[in-house]
Amino acid sequence: MKITEKKKDNSKVLIEVEGEMTIYSARDLLTGMYKYLDKIKNTEVDLSKVTKIDTSGFQLLSMAKKEVESKEKTFKIINPSNDVKKIFKLYGEAF
């Protein structure tokens, strides 16, 4: 899995995820995302290049979204791949 961060300004960051979001890569994703979540007000996560996602990847996204929104910040999933759409539908989650 590859994570690319593009800081748009002091209040917004775009995190692009490429490859598999599975239990085997969850720690890297957690580290990559969480270094911005406390500091940045608006986070966008582009999942257009995610080739596989499992329950661990889904739970990590859900946890991050809930934590960010509890601090009155925004967390937005953009461009979900077909695999991401399938798991969101499976769990009845709308991002």
Protein backbone atom coordinates (compact mmCIF):
# COMPACT_ATOMS: atom_id res chain seq x y z
CA MET A 1 0.00 0.00 0.00
CA LYS A 2 1.18 3.50 -0.83
CA ILE A 3 0.01 6.63 1.00
CA THR A 4 0.59 10.08 -0.44
CA GLU A 5 -0.26 13.22 1.49
CA LYS A 6 -0.84 16.52 -0.25
CA LYS A 7 -1.26 19.39 2.15
CA LYS A 8 -3.45 21.91 0.39
CA ASP A 9 -3.07 24.60 3.05
CA ASN A 10 -2.92 24.83 6.85
CA SER A 11 -6.51 23.67 7.20
CA LYS A 12 -6.84 20.98 4.50
CA VAL A 13 -5.00 17.81 3.51
CA LEU A 14 -5.64 15.24 0.78
CA ILE A 15 -4.53 11.70 1.54
CA GLU A 16 -4.32 9.37 -1.45
CA VAL A 17 -4.30 5.63 -0.80
CA GLU A 18 -3.09 3.17 -3.44
CA GLY A 19 -3.13 -0.62 -3.24
CA GLU A 20 -4.63 -2.87 -0.57
CA MET A 21 -6.27 -1.63 2.63
CA THR A 22 -6.18 -4.86 4.59
CA ILE A 23 -5.19 -6.07 8.01
CA TYR A 24 -1.63 -6.35 6.72
CA SER A 25 -1.41 -2.64 5.88
CA ALA A 26 -3.70 -1.14 8.54
CA ARG A 27 -0.83 0.02 10.74
CA ASP A 28 0.79 1.97 7.88
CA LEU A 29 -2.52 3.56 6.99
CA LEU A 30 -3.19 4.47 10.60
CA THR A 31 0.22 6.10 10.93
CA GLY A 32 -0.13 7.93 7.62
CA MET A 33 -3.55 9.35 8.37
CA TYR A 34 -3.32 10.10 12.07
CA LYS A 35 -0.35 12.41 11.81
CA TYR A 36 -2.74 14.90 10.18
CA LEU A 37 -6.07 14.27 11.88
CA ASP A 38 -5.30 16.24 15.05
CA LYS A 39 -3.56 19.11 13.28
CA ILE A 40 -5.72 19.67 10.20
CA LYS A 41 -9.35 20.80 10.19
CA ASN A 42 -10.41 19.24 6.86
CA THR A 43 -9.23 15.84 5.67
CA GLU A 44 -10.07 14.24 2.31
CA VAL A 45 -9.12 10.64 1.60
CA ASP A 46 -8.97 9.61 -2.06
CA LEU A 47 -9.63 5.87 -2.40
CA SER A 48 -9.78 5.69 -6.20
CA LYS A 49 -6.65 3.50 -6.40
CA VAL A 50 -7.59 1.04 -3.65
CA THR A 51 -7.52 -2.44 -5.17
CA LYS A 52 -8.71 -4.39 -2.12
CA ILE A 53 -10.23 -3.49 1.24
CA ASP A 54 -11.19 -5.78 4.11
CA THR A 55 -12.96 -5.26 7.42
CA SER A 56 -9.80 -3.84 9.02
CA GLY A 57 -9.50 -1.15 6.37
CA PHE A 58 -13.18 -0.31 6.68
CA GLN A 59 -13.01 -0.14 10.50
CA LEU A 60 -10.00 2.15 10.34
CA LEU A 61 -11.83 4.58 8.05
CA SER A 62 -14.95 4.48 10.23
CA MET A 63 -12.94 5.06 13.40
CA ALA A 64 -11.03 7.97 11.85
CA LYS A 65 -14.23 9.58 10.59
CA LYS A 66 -15.96 9.33 13.97
CA GLU A 67 -12.94 10.65 15.85
CA VAL A 68 -12.46 13.61 13.50
CA GLU A 69 -16.13 14.55 13.47
CA SER A 70 -16.29 14.40 17.27
CA LYS A 71 -13.75 17.26 17.24
CA GLU A 72 -15.96 19.28 14.87
CA LYS A 73 -13.63 18.71 11.93
CA THR A 74 -14.40 17.18 8.53
CA PHE A 75 -13.36 13.80 7.13
CA LYS A 76 -14.44 13.06 3.60
CA ILE A 77 -13.94 9.96 1.45
CA ILE A 78 -13.64 10.85 -2.23
CA ASN A 79 -13.52 8.72 -5.38
CA PRO A 80 -14.07 5.31 -3.75
CA SER A 81 -13.01 2.39 -5.96
CA ASN A 82 -15.49 -0.39 -6.74
CA ASP A 83 -14.06 -2.58 -3.95
CA VAL A 84 -14.48 0.28 -1.47
CA LYS A 85 -18.06 0.87 -2.62
CA LYS A 86 -18.83 -2.84 -2.13
CA ILE A 87 -17.62 -2.93 1.48
CA PHE A 88 -19.41 0.32 2.31
CA LYS A 89 -22.60 -1.19 0.92
CA LEU A 90 -21.99 -4.44 2.83
CA TYR A 91 -21.82 -2.56 6.13
CA GLY A 92 -24.52 -0.05 5.22
CA GLU A 93 -22.15 2.87 5.58
CA ALA A 94 -22.34 6.02 3.50
CA PHE A 95 -19.34 8.30 3.35
